Amino acid sequence: MKLTLSWLQEFLDFPSDDPGDIAESFERLGHEVEEWHLIEPSFTGVVIGHVLEISAHPDADKVRLTKVDVGSEVLDIICGAWNFEVGAIVPVAVPGAMLAGDFEIGSRDIRGVTSHGMICSESELELGTESDGIMVLNTDYPNAASRIGEPLDEVLGVRDVFYEVAVTPDRPDCLSVYGLARDLAGLYDVALSAHDFSISETGETTDVVATVESPETCPRFAGRQVRGITVGVSPHWLRRRLGLAGVRPISNVVDASNYAMIEFGHPTHAFDVQRLGPTISVRMAAEGETIVTLDGQERTLGASDVIVTDGTHAIAIGGVMGGQSTEVHEETTDVFIEAAYWDPAHVLLTSKRLGLRSEASARFERGADPSFCNLAADRVAQILVEIAGGLPAPLPVDVDPGNISPWIVTYPLSETKRILGISLDSAATTELLARRGFSVTGSDPLTVTVPTRRPDVRAPVDLVEE
């Protein structure tokens, strides 16, 4: 699990800002930290600039002359990029700045005109892979316009701490930023930061109708329709965060789904509503049934595989991968965000048999949290509203037969003494378990209700470990 300190800090106020202390806290919780390091900018002397004027070069038609306000002065800079206009907020390497590879920026003559500094692209700053044009900050970082002349790394929050945490197979609840923050909150005995992921519904109710024919393989099928999106490139801050988490940015719709998965641990999948049939249905595949998955491969299914259909054909392999026929594309305007809970055993069986493993299947086969389905769909919708201009439809889909009940463990206090060699009274035991998210009633034995996110806790010995 790869993540950054700044992302963790959105959910948790740390008692210590020492990144080494936080790494030790992960270790205390049983999460091995495979690597951690400071993230530093690869440049110095790059500031926020405001393009005031653009004119033609008198002796070169492939570059333009610009006047850029960098706070302390207005610089004349020659630029070969054409993806910006007057008013653009841009990163400027002023004379004396250093870029990666010990490349010093100065003033130089270009066909009789002196250029003082350089307007930079993402790749030149090692802040991304985009190199076709300069980095325009107006939309992705709207606060940058009020911070002309300030260091770019401070405005963009480049400095950070990277952690790679090895989450053991029995702790699927920690395969997310929120999950790890929640574990740390229990250790520190502090509350998680409150976040509002509610969305404003508008327009007609959802077009999507869903049924589940095999509830033993899909105990909950939820989702939300978002209309009026524009598919495109995600903002820089989101692409950068995904990149640091080891996820390749693809498009704003796919990126929103992946972002929510890394953030909350619950995979989602976006279908193009215009490509769907009348009714979404979850059922077992027929022997020999086929589907072309998102990777372009035709897969032959068996009777033990669970699929999502649209009334005419298979559109996804449940918990493993979506189908190509309903894939989001450049012309997509309406999407249905599926956020289901898939039975881990069926996902593992299908994934292994097909030799098809994805970030989604890796989480579902360990065990996702069925109580997070609606939150996951709403979080994706919230991101799409922000970055793709979508409007969430009222009445989200939620097929929940109610056959998922929290696990109850009867816990005699003597188990603590028997296994650990120490004694804890009911008050201390209740307090410690409550910090870990368990509900406790009674005195001795305690009746402990296990959160649905914790499939690893089934017996008193598991509570002793907690």
Protein backbone atom coordinates (compact mmCIF):
# COMPACT_ATOMS: atom_id res chain seq x y z
CA MET A 1 0.00 0.00 0.00
CA LYS A 2 1.62 3.23 -1.21
CA LEU A 3 0.50 6.55 0.20
CA THR A 4 1.66 9.98 1.32
CA LEU A 5 1.61 11.72 4.67
CA SER A 6 -0.44 14.62 3.30
CA TRP A 7 -3.22 12.21 2.31
CA LEU A 8 -3.19 10.60 5.76
CA GLN A 9 -3.35 14.04 7.34
CA GLU A 10 -6.69 14.68 5.64
CA PHE A 11 -8.18 12.09 8.00
CA LEU A 12 -6.00 12.34 11.10
CA ASP A 13 -4.20 14.95 13.19
CA PHE A 14 -0.94 13.29 14.18
CA PRO A 15 0.45 13.82 17.69
CA SER A 16 3.92 13.91 16.10
CA ASP A 17 4.98 15.33 12.75
CA ASP A 18 8.15 13.23 12.72
CA PRO A 19 7.78 10.88 9.71
CA GLY A 20 10.00 8.33 11.45
CA ASP A 21 7.62 8.23 14.43
CA ILE A 22 4.72 7.56 12.08
CA ALA A 23 6.65 4.72 10.44
CA GLU A 24 7.26 3.23 13.90
CA SER A 25 3.55 3.53 14.65
CA PHE A 26 2.73 1.49 11.55
CA GLU A 27 5.17 -1.17 12.75
CA ARG A 28 3.57 -1.25 16.21
CA LEU A 29 0.25 -1.99 14.53
CA GLY A 30 1.76 -4.93 12.64
CA HIS A 31 2.09 -3.10 9.32
CA GLU A 32 5.64 -3.49 8.05
CA VAL A 33 6.96 -0.31 6.46
CA GLU A 34 8.94 -1.47 3.45
CA GLU A 35 10.10 2.04 2.60
CA TRP A 36 9.63 5.64 3.58
CA HIS A 37 11.36 8.76 2.35
CA LEU A 38 10.93 12.50 2.06
CA ILE A 39 9.54 13.82 -1.22
CA GLU A 40 11.50 16.91 -2.20
CA PRO A 41 11.16 19.09 -5.31
CA SER A 42 13.76 18.47 -8.00
CA PHE A 43 14.01 22.22 -8.59
CA THR A 44 14.76 25.50 -6.84
CA GLY A 45 13.91 29.03 -7.86
CA VAL A 46 10.61 28.18 -9.57
CA VAL A 47 7.77 30.57 -8.69
CA ILE A 48 4.16 31.24 -9.62
CA GLY A 49 3.87 33.58 -12.59
CA HIS A 50 1.02 35.45 -14.29
CA VAL A 51 1.16 35.89 -18.09
CA LEU A 52 0.39 39.55 -18.83
CA GLU A 53 1.17 39.81 -22.56
CA ILE A 54 1.87 37.53 -25.52
CA SER A 55 3.26 38.71 -28.85
CA ALA A 56 4.95 37.30 -31.92
CA HIS A 57 8.71 36.96 -32.13
CA PRO A 58 9.98 39.25 -34.92
CA ASP A 59 12.30 36.61 -36.34
CA ALA A 60 10.90 33.20 -35.26
CA ASP A 61 7.43 31.81 -35.96
CA LYS A 62 7.62 28.77 -33.65
CA VAL A 63 8.02 30.70 -30.41
CA ARG A 64 6.22 33.62 -28.75
CA LEU A 65 7.29 36.54 -26.59
CA THR A 66 5.64 36.83 -23.20
CA LYS A 67 5.65 39.23 -20.30
CA VAL A 68 5.20 37.37 -17.03
CA ASP A 69 4.62 38.88 -13.60
CA VAL A 70 6.62 36.88 -11.02
CA GLY A 71 5.78 39.08 -8.05
CA SER A 72 9.00 41.02 -7.66
CA GLU A 73 9.26 42.00 -11.35
CA VAL A 74 7.90 41.39 -14.84
CA LEU A 75 10.11 39.11 -16.94
CA ASP A 76 10.40 38.90 -20.72
CA ILE A 77 10.36 35.17 -21.51
CA ILE A 78 10.40 33.43 -24.88
CA CYS A 79 8.28 30.27 -24.93
CA GLY A 80 7.74 27.58 -27.57
CA ALA A 81 4.51 26.22 -26.09
CA TRP A 82 1.15 27.28 -27.53
CA ASN A 83 -1.27 25.83 -24.97
CA PHE A 84 -1.74 29.04 -22.95
CA GLU A 85 -3.05 32.57 -23.36
CA VAL A 86 -2.89 35.91 -21.55
CA GLY A 87 -4.05 35.43 -17.97
CA ALA A 88 -2.50 32.00 -17.57
CA ILE A 89 -1.01 31.17 -14.17
CA VAL A 90 2.20 29.27 -14.83
CA PRO A 91 5.37 27.95 -13.16
CA VAL A 92 8.36 30.16 -13.96
CA ALA A 93 12.00 29.23 -13.48
CA VAL A 94 13.57 32.63 -12.89
CA PRO A 95 17.23 33.31 -13.76
CA GLY A 96 19.38 31.37 -11.29
CA ALA A 97 16.81 28.60 -10.84
CA MET A 98 18.01 24.99 -10.89
CA LEU A 99 16.08 22.17 -12.53
CA ALA A 100 16.72 18.42 -12.39
CA GLY A 101 20.12 17.33 -13.65
CA ASP A 102 21.80 20.48 -12.30
CA PHE A 103 20.36 22.47 -15.19
CA GLU A 104 20.69 26.16 -14.36
CA ILE A 105 18.27 28.65 -15.86
CA GLY A 106 19.65 31.98 -16.98
CA SER A 107 19.09 34.68 -19.56
CA ARG A 108 19.84 33.95 -23.20
CA ASP A 109 19.49 35.54 -26.60
CA ILE A 110 17.11 33.87 -29.06
CA ARG A 111 17.37 35.45 -32.52
CA GLY A 112 18.00 38.94 -31.24
CA VAL A 113 15.60 38.89 -28.28
CA THR A 114 16.72 38.13 -24.73
CA SER A 115 14.69 35.66 -22.68
CA HIS A 116 14.96 35.90 -18.90
CA GLY A 117 13.98 32.55 -17.40
CA MET A 118 11.70 29.74 -18.56
CA ILE A 119 8.02 28.81 -18.33
CA CYS A 120 7.99 25.11 -17.39
CA SER A 121 6.13 21.93 -18.22
CA GLU A 122 5.21 19.14 -15.79
CA SER A 123 7.98 16.87 -17.06
CA GLU A 124 10.65 19.59 -16.79
CA LEU A 125 9.73 19.96 -13.12
CA GLU A 126 9.41 16.19 -12.62
CA LEU A 127 5.85 16.73 -11.40
CA GLY A 128 4.27 14.55 -14.07
CA THR A 129 4.75 13.12 -17.54
CA GLU A 130 3.07 15.82 -19.62
CA SER A 131 5.60 17.50 -21.91
CA ASP A 132 3.56 18.73 -24.90
CA GLY A 133 2.89 22.11 -23.33
CA ILE A 134 3.60 24.18 -20.28
CA MET A 135 1.88 23.57 -16.95
CA VAL A 136 -1.18 25.85 -16.68
CA LEU A 137 -2.36 26.13 -13.08
CA ASN A 138 -5.57 28.18 -13.38
CA THR A 139 -8.04 25.28 -13.20
CA ASP A 140 -6.11 22.64 -11.27
CA TYR A 141 -4.83 25.04 -8.57
CA PRO A 142 -7.25 28.01 -8.46
CA ASN A 143 -5.58 29.42 -5.32
CA ALA A 144 -2.33 29.91 -7.26
CA ALA A 145 -3.67 33.14 -8.81
CA SER A 146 -3.51 34.84 -5.42
CA ARG A 147 0.06 33.68 -4.77
CA ILE A 148 2.05 35.23 -7.62
CA GLY A 149 5.79 35.16 -6.92
CA GLU A 150 5.59 32.47 -4.24
CA PRO A 151 7.64 29.25 -4.55
CA LEU A 152 5.84 26.69 -6.71
CA ASP A 153 6.66 23.78 -4.40
CA GLU A 154 4.92 25.52 -1.49
CA VAL A 155 1.79 26.41 -3.47
CA LEU A 156 1.46 22.89 -4.90
CA GLY A 157 2.45 21.11 -1.70
CA VAL A 158 5.25 19.20 -3.39
CA ARG A 159 7.13 18.42 -0.18
CA ASP A 160 5.67 15.33 1.41
CA VAL A 161 6.52 11.94 2.91
CA PHE A 162 6.09 8.69 0.98
CA TYR A 163 5.28 5.42 2.75
CA GLU A 164 5.04 1.92 1.34
CA VAL A 165 3.27 -0.27 3.88
CA ALA A 166 3.01 -4.06 3.62
CA VAL A 167 -0.56 -4.88 4.62
CA THR A 168 -0.93 -8.52 5.67
CA PRO A 169 -3.56 -10.65 3.87
CA ASP A 170 -5.78 -10.78 6.97
CA ARG A 171 -6.18 -6.98 7.15
CA PRO A 172 -8.11 -5.92 4.02
CA ASP A 173 -9.56 -3.04 6.05
CA CYS A 174 -6.13 -1.38 5.87
CA LEU A 175 -5.80 -1.44 2.08
CA SER A 176 -6.65 2.25 1.92
CA VAL A 177 -5.51 5.62 3.19
CA TYR A 178 -8.60 5.87 5.39
CA GLY A 179 -8.11 2.35 6.74
CA LEU A 180 -4.53 2.99 7.78
CA ALA A 181 -5.51 6.36 9.27
CA ARG A 182 -8.26 4.60 11.22
CA ASP A 183 -5.78 2.07 12.59
CA LEU A 184 -3.42 4.86 13.63
CA ALA A 185 -6.29 6.77 15.25
CA GLY A 186 -7.01 3.73 17.42
CA LEU A 187 -3.36 3.54 18.45
CA TYR A 188 -3.12 7.25 19.26
CA ASP A 189 -6.61 7.32 20.82
CA VAL A 190 -7.66 10.30 18.70
CA ALA A 191 -10.73 10.85 16.54
CA LEU A 192 -10.66 10.69 12.77
CA SER A 193 -11.24 14.03 11.07
CA ALA A 194 -14.85 14.60 10.03
CA HIS A 195 -15.44 14.59 6.27
CA ASP A 196 -18.61 15.39 4.38
CA PHE A 197 -18.95 13.20 1.31
CA SER A 198 -22.60 14.01 0.72
CA ILE A 199 -23.65 15.08 -2.76
CA SER A 200 -26.44 17.22 -4.19
CA GLU A 201 -28.80 15.10 -6.27
CA THR A 202 -30.54 16.73 -9.20
CA GLY A 203 -32.70 15.97 -12.22
CA GLU A 204 -34.60 12.78 -13.00
CA THR A 205 -34.13 9.62 -11.00
CA THR A 206 -31.62 7.02 -12.14
CA ASP A 207 -32.22 5.14 -15.41
CA VAL A 208 -30.61 2.00 -14.02
CA VAL A 209 -32.60 -0.92 -12.61
CA ALA A 210 -30.68 -3.74 -10.93
CA THR A 211 -31.46 -7.26 -9.72
CA VAL A 212 -29.31 -9.89 -8.04
CA GLU A 213 -30.11 -13.50 -8.95
CA SER A 214 -27.26 -14.99 -6.92
CA PRO A 215 -27.11 -13.11 -3.59
CA GLU A 216 -24.65 -15.64 -2.18
CA THR A 217 -22.04 -14.32 -4.64
CA CYS A 218 -23.10 -10.66 -4.44
CA PRO A 219 -24.65 -9.91 -1.05
CA ARG A 220 -24.95 -6.24 -1.92
CA PHE A 221 -25.11 -4.40 -5.24
CA ALA A 222 -25.15 -0.61 -5.01
CA GLY A 223 -24.40 2.23 -7.37
CA ARG A 224 -25.17 5.74 -8.50
CA GLN A 225 -25.78 7.37 -11.87
CA VAL A 226 -24.00 10.61 -12.75
CA ARG A 227 -25.23 12.57 -15.79
CA GLY A 228 -23.63 15.24 -17.91
CA ILE A 229 -19.96 14.47 -17.40
CA THR A 230 -17.17 15.48 -19.76
CA VAL A 231 -14.51 12.80 -20.10
CA GLY A 232 -11.00 14.22 -20.16
CA VAL A 233 -7.71 14.52 -18.33
CA SER A 234 -7.77 14.66 -14.53
CA PRO A 235 -6.40 17.69 -12.71
CA HIS A 236 -2.72 17.58 -11.87
CA TRP A 237 -3.18 17.18 -8.10
CA LEU A 238 -5.23 14.00 -8.61
CA ARG A 239 -2.89 12.53 -11.24
CA ARG A 240 0.11 13.21 -9.03
CA ARG A 241 -1.49 11.57 -6.00
CA LEU A 242 -2.44 8.50 -8.00
CA GLY A 243 1.07 8.29 -9.42
CA LEU A 244 2.61 8.37 -5.95
CA ALA A 245 0.17 5.59 -4.98
CA GLY A 246 1.44 3.48 -7.88
CA VAL A 247 -1.65 3.92 -10.07
CA ARG A 248 -1.38 5.11 -13.68
CA PRO A 249 -3.79 7.96 -14.53
CA ILE A 250 -6.09 7.15 -17.46
CA SER A 251 -9.06 9.56 -17.64
CA ASN A 252 -10.98 11.61 -15.11
CA VAL A 253 -13.72 8.96 -14.78
CA VAL A 254 -11.36 6.02 -14.29
CA ASP A 255 -9.10 8.15 -12.10
CA ALA A 256 -12.01 9.15 -9.85
CA SER A 257 -12.83 5.47 -9.34
CA ASN A 258 -9.22 4.57 -8.59
CA TYR A 259 -8.78 7.57 -6.30
CA ALA A 260 -11.79 6.56 -4.19
CA MET A 261 -10.48 2.97 -4.06
CA ILE A 262 -7.07 4.04 -2.76
CA GLU A 263 -8.74 6.46 -0.37
CA PHE A 264 -11.41 4.13 1.08
CA GLY A 265 -10.41 0.65 -0.09
CA HIS A 266 -13.66 -0.19 -1.88
CA PRO A 267 -13.33 -0.76 -5.65
CA THR A 268 -15.95 0.68 -7.97
CA HIS A 269 -16.55 0.40 -11.70
CA ALA A 270 -18.02 2.95 -14.12
CA PHE A 271 -20.34 1.82 -16.94
CA ASP A 272 -21.35 3.99 -19.90
CA VAL A 273 -25.13 4.24 -19.40
CA GLN A 274 -25.77 4.75 -23.13
CA ARG A 275 -24.18 1.35 -23.79
CA LEU A 276 -26.20 -0.51 -21.16
CA GLY A 277 -29.28 -2.62 -21.77
CA PRO A 278 -32.53 -2.11 -19.83
CA THR A 279 -31.66 -3.92 -16.60
CA ILE A 280 -28.44 -4.74 -14.79
CA SER A 281 -28.49 -8.23 -13.34
CA VAL A 282 -25.99 -10.22 -11.31
CA ARG A 283 -26.04 -13.96 -12.02
CA MET A 284 -23.83 -17.00 -12.48
CA ALA A 285 -22.30 -17.36 -15.93
CA ALA A 286 -23.40 -20.08 -18.30
CA GLU A 287 -20.71 -22.64 -19.10
CA GLY A 288 -18.82 -21.38 -22.15
CA GLU A 289 -20.24 -17.85 -22.02
CA THR A 290 -17.72 -15.23 -23.15
CA ILE A 291 -16.85 -11.62 -22.41
CA VAL A 292 -14.22 -9.25 -23.80
CA THR A 293 -12.69 -7.57 -20.75
CA LEU A 294 -11.20 -4.08 -20.53
CA ASP A 295 -7.76 -5.43 -21.43
CA GLY A 296 -9.11 -6.49 -24.84
CA GLN A 297 -8.97 -10.23 -24.10
CA GLU A 298 -11.89 -12.56 -24.76
CA ARG A 299 -12.53 -14.64 -21.64
CA THR A 300 -14.41 -17.93 -21.61
CA LEU A 301 -16.44 -18.23 -18.43
CA GLY A 302 -17.54 -21.18 -16.37
CA ALA A 303 -20.60 -21.95 -14.27
CA SER A 304 -18.71 -20.97 -11.09
CA ASP A 305 -18.07 -17.41 -12.30
CA VAL A 306 -20.34 -14.55 -11.28
CA ILE A 307 -21.06 -11.88 -13.88
CA VAL A 308 -22.91 -8.62 -14.35
CA THR A 309 -25.20 -8.51 -17.38
CA ASP A 310 -27.38 -5.81 -18.90
CA GLY A 311 -30.16 -8.16 -19.96
CA THR A 312 -28.48 -8.99 -23.25
CA HIS A 313 -24.88 -9.97 -22.54
CA ALA A 314 -22.13 -10.03 -19.89
CA ILE A 315 -20.74 -6.57 -19.13
CA ALA A 316 -18.40 -7.38 -16.23
CA ILE A 317 -16.85 -10.25 -14.29
CA GLY A 318 -18.01 -9.63 -10.75
CA GLY A 319 -15.25 -8.23 -8.56
CA VAL A 320 -12.55 -8.87 -11.17
CA MET A 321 -12.80 -6.68 -14.29
CA GLY A 322 -15.30 -4.79 -16.39
CA GLY A 323 -16.19 -5.51 -19.99
CA GLN A 324 -15.13 -3.61 -23.07
CA SER A 325 -18.67 -3.23 -24.44
CA THR A 326 -19.74 -0.76 -21.73
CA GLU A 327 -16.37 0.93 -21.25
CA VAL A 328 -16.30 4.69 -20.69
CA HIS A 329 -14.92 6.54 -23.74
CA GLU A 330 -14.35 10.11 -24.90
CA GLU A 331 -17.99 10.64 -25.92
CA THR A 332 -19.48 9.27 -22.69
CA THR A 333 -21.81 11.68 -20.89
CA ASP A 334 -23.67 9.49 -18.38
CA VAL A 335 -22.08 6.85 -16.15
CA PHE A 336 -23.34 4.32 -13.63
CA ILE A 337 -20.89 3.82 -10.78
CA GLU A 338 -21.17 0.27 -9.48
CA ALA A 339 -20.06 -0.26 -5.87
CA ALA A 340 -20.93 -3.84 -4.99
CA TYR A 341 -19.79 -6.28 -2.33
CA TRP A 342 -18.57 -9.53 -3.90
CA ASP A 343 -18.08 -12.83 -2.10
CA PRO A 344 -14.30 -13.23 -1.57
CA ALA A 345 -14.22 -16.97 -2.36
CA HIS A 346 -15.90 -16.55 -5.75
CA VAL A 347 -13.65 -13.63 -6.70
CA LEU A 348 -10.52 -15.60 -5.77
CA LEU A 349 -11.68 -18.69 -7.67
CA THR A 350 -12.49 -16.77 -10.85
CA SER A 351 -9.39 -14.58 -10.68
CA LYS A 352 -7.10 -17.60 -10.35
CA ARG A 353 -8.85 -19.67 -13.00
CA LEU A 354 -8.70 -16.88 -15.57
CA GLY A 355 -5.22 -15.72 -14.56
CA LEU A 356 -6.74 -12.26 -14.28
CA ARG A 357 -5.77 -10.16 -11.30
CA SER A 358 -6.63 -6.51 -10.77
CA GLU A 359 -6.49 -3.95 -7.98
CA ALA A 360 -10.20 -4.61 -7.51
CA SER A 361 -9.92 -8.39 -7.29
CA ALA A 362 -6.98 -8.11 -4.87
CA ARG A 363 -9.24 -6.21 -2.48
CA PHE A 364 -12.45 -8.18 -2.98
CA GLU A 365 -10.79 -11.57 -2.56
CA ARG A 366 -9.44 -10.49 0.83
CA GLY A 367 -12.81 -9.11 1.87
CA ALA A 368 -14.19 -5.61 1.36
CA ASP A 369 -16.58 -3.83 3.71
CA PRO A 370 -20.23 -4.17 2.61
CA SER A 371 -21.17 -1.13 4.67
CA PHE A 372 -18.95 1.06 2.46
CA CYS A 373 -20.77 0.41 -0.84
CA ASN A 374 -22.86 3.59 -0.89
CA LEU A 375 -20.06 5.73 0.52
CA ALA A 376 -17.72 4.52 -2.24
CA ALA A 377 -20.23 5.30 -5.00
CA ASP A 378 -20.98 8.71 -3.50
CA ARG A 379 -17.29 9.54 -3.17
CA VAL A 380 -16.69 8.77 -6.85
CA ALA A 381 -19.74 10.87 -7.75
CA GLN A 382 -18.47 13.72 -5.59
CA ILE A 383 -15.10 13.67 -7.37
CA LEU A 384 -16.78 13.56 -10.79
CA VAL A 385 -18.89 16.60 -9.90
CA GLU A 386 -15.67 18.44 -9.07
CA ILE A 387 -13.50 17.38 -12.01
CA ALA A 388 -15.91 16.29 -14.78
CA GLY A 389 -18.95 18.51 -14.26
CA GLY A 390 -21.37 15.70 -13.47
CA LEU A 391 -24.81 15.83 -11.84
CA PRO A 392 -25.71 12.87 -9.57
CA ALA A 393 -29.19 11.44 -10.18
CA PRO A 394 -31.55 10.93 -7.23
CA LEU A 395 -32.47 7.49 -5.85
CA PRO A 396 -29.24 5.50 -6.10
CA VAL A 397 -29.39 1.75 -6.67
CA ASP A 398 -29.00 -0.43 -3.58
CA VAL A 399 -29.94 -4.10 -3.78
CA ASP A 400 -29.31 -5.27 -0.23
CA PRO A 401 -31.05 -8.52 0.78
CA GLY A 402 -29.92 -7.90 4.36
CA ASN A 403 -28.08 -11.19 4.67
CA ILE A 404 -24.87 -9.65 6.00
CA SER A 405 -24.88 -9.47 9.79
CA PRO A 406 -22.01 -8.37 12.03
CA TRP A 407 -20.09 -11.22 13.66
CA ILE A 408 -20.60 -11.58 17.42
CA VAL A 409 -17.83 -12.92 19.67
CA THR A 410 -18.33 -13.91 23.30
CA TYR A 411 -15.17 -12.91 25.13
CA PRO A 412 -14.35 -14.21 28.64
CA LEU A 413 -11.89 -11.85 30.34
CA SER A 414 -9.86 -14.88 31.43
CA GLU A 415 -8.68 -15.24 27.82
CA THR A 416 -6.47 -12.17 28.22
CA LYS A 417 -4.69 -13.71 31.21
CA ARG A 418 -4.46 -17.15 29.58
CA ILE A 419 -2.86 -15.91 26.37
CA LEU A 420 -1.00 -12.73 27.34
CA GLY A 421 -0.25 -13.41 30.99
CA ILE A 422 -1.78 -10.11 32.11
CA SER A 423 -5.18 -9.22 33.54
CA LEU A 424 -7.48 -6.48 32.27
CA ASP A 425 -10.84 -5.67 33.80
CA SER A 426 -13.97 -5.21 31.71
CA ALA A 427 -13.69 -1.39 31.63
CA ALA A 428 -10.12 -1.42 30.30
CA THR A 429 -10.89 -4.17 27.80
CA THR A 430 -14.00 -2.37 26.57
CA GLU A 431 -12.09 0.90 26.16
CA LEU A 432 -9.26 -0.73 24.19
CA LEU A 433 -11.62 -2.60 21.87
CA ALA A 434 -13.80 0.48 21.35
CA ARG A 435 -10.72 2.37 20.15
CA ARG A 436 -10.36 -0.34 17.50
CA GLY A 437 -13.95 0.07 16.32
CA PHE A 438 -15.62 -2.81 18.18
CA SER A 439 -18.94 -2.47 20.02
CA VAL A 440 -18.85 -4.06 23.46
CA THR A 441 -21.62 -4.86 25.94
CA GLY A 442 -21.76 -6.86 29.16
CA SER A 443 -19.07 -7.36 31.79
CA ASP A 444 -17.70 -10.92 31.88
CA PRO A 445 -18.01 -12.43 29.40
CA LEU A 446 -18.12 -9.45 27.06
CA THR A 447 -20.33 -9.53 23.99
CA VAL A 448 -18.28 -8.03 21.16
CA THR A 449 -19.78 -6.95 17.84
CA VAL A 450 -17.17 -7.10 15.10
CA PRO A 451 -17.24 -4.39 12.39
CA THR A 452 -18.11 -5.76 8.94
CA ARG A 453 -14.73 -4.51 7.72
CA ARG A 454 -12.90 -7.06 9.92
CA PRO A 455 -13.33 -10.58 8.46
CA ASP A 456 -10.18 -11.63 10.35
CA VAL A 457 -11.82 -11.38 13.79
CA ARG A 458 -13.94 -14.43 14.53
CA ALA A 459 -12.80 -15.80 17.92
CA PRO A 460 -11.63 -14.65 21.38
CA VAL A 461 -7.99 -15.16 20.41
CA ASP A 462 -8.44 -12.58 17.64
CA LEU A 463 -9.68 -10.06 20.20
CA VAL A 464 -6.66 -10.78 22.38
CA GLU A 465 -4.50 -9.82 19.42
CA GLU A 466 -6.41 -6.54 19.13
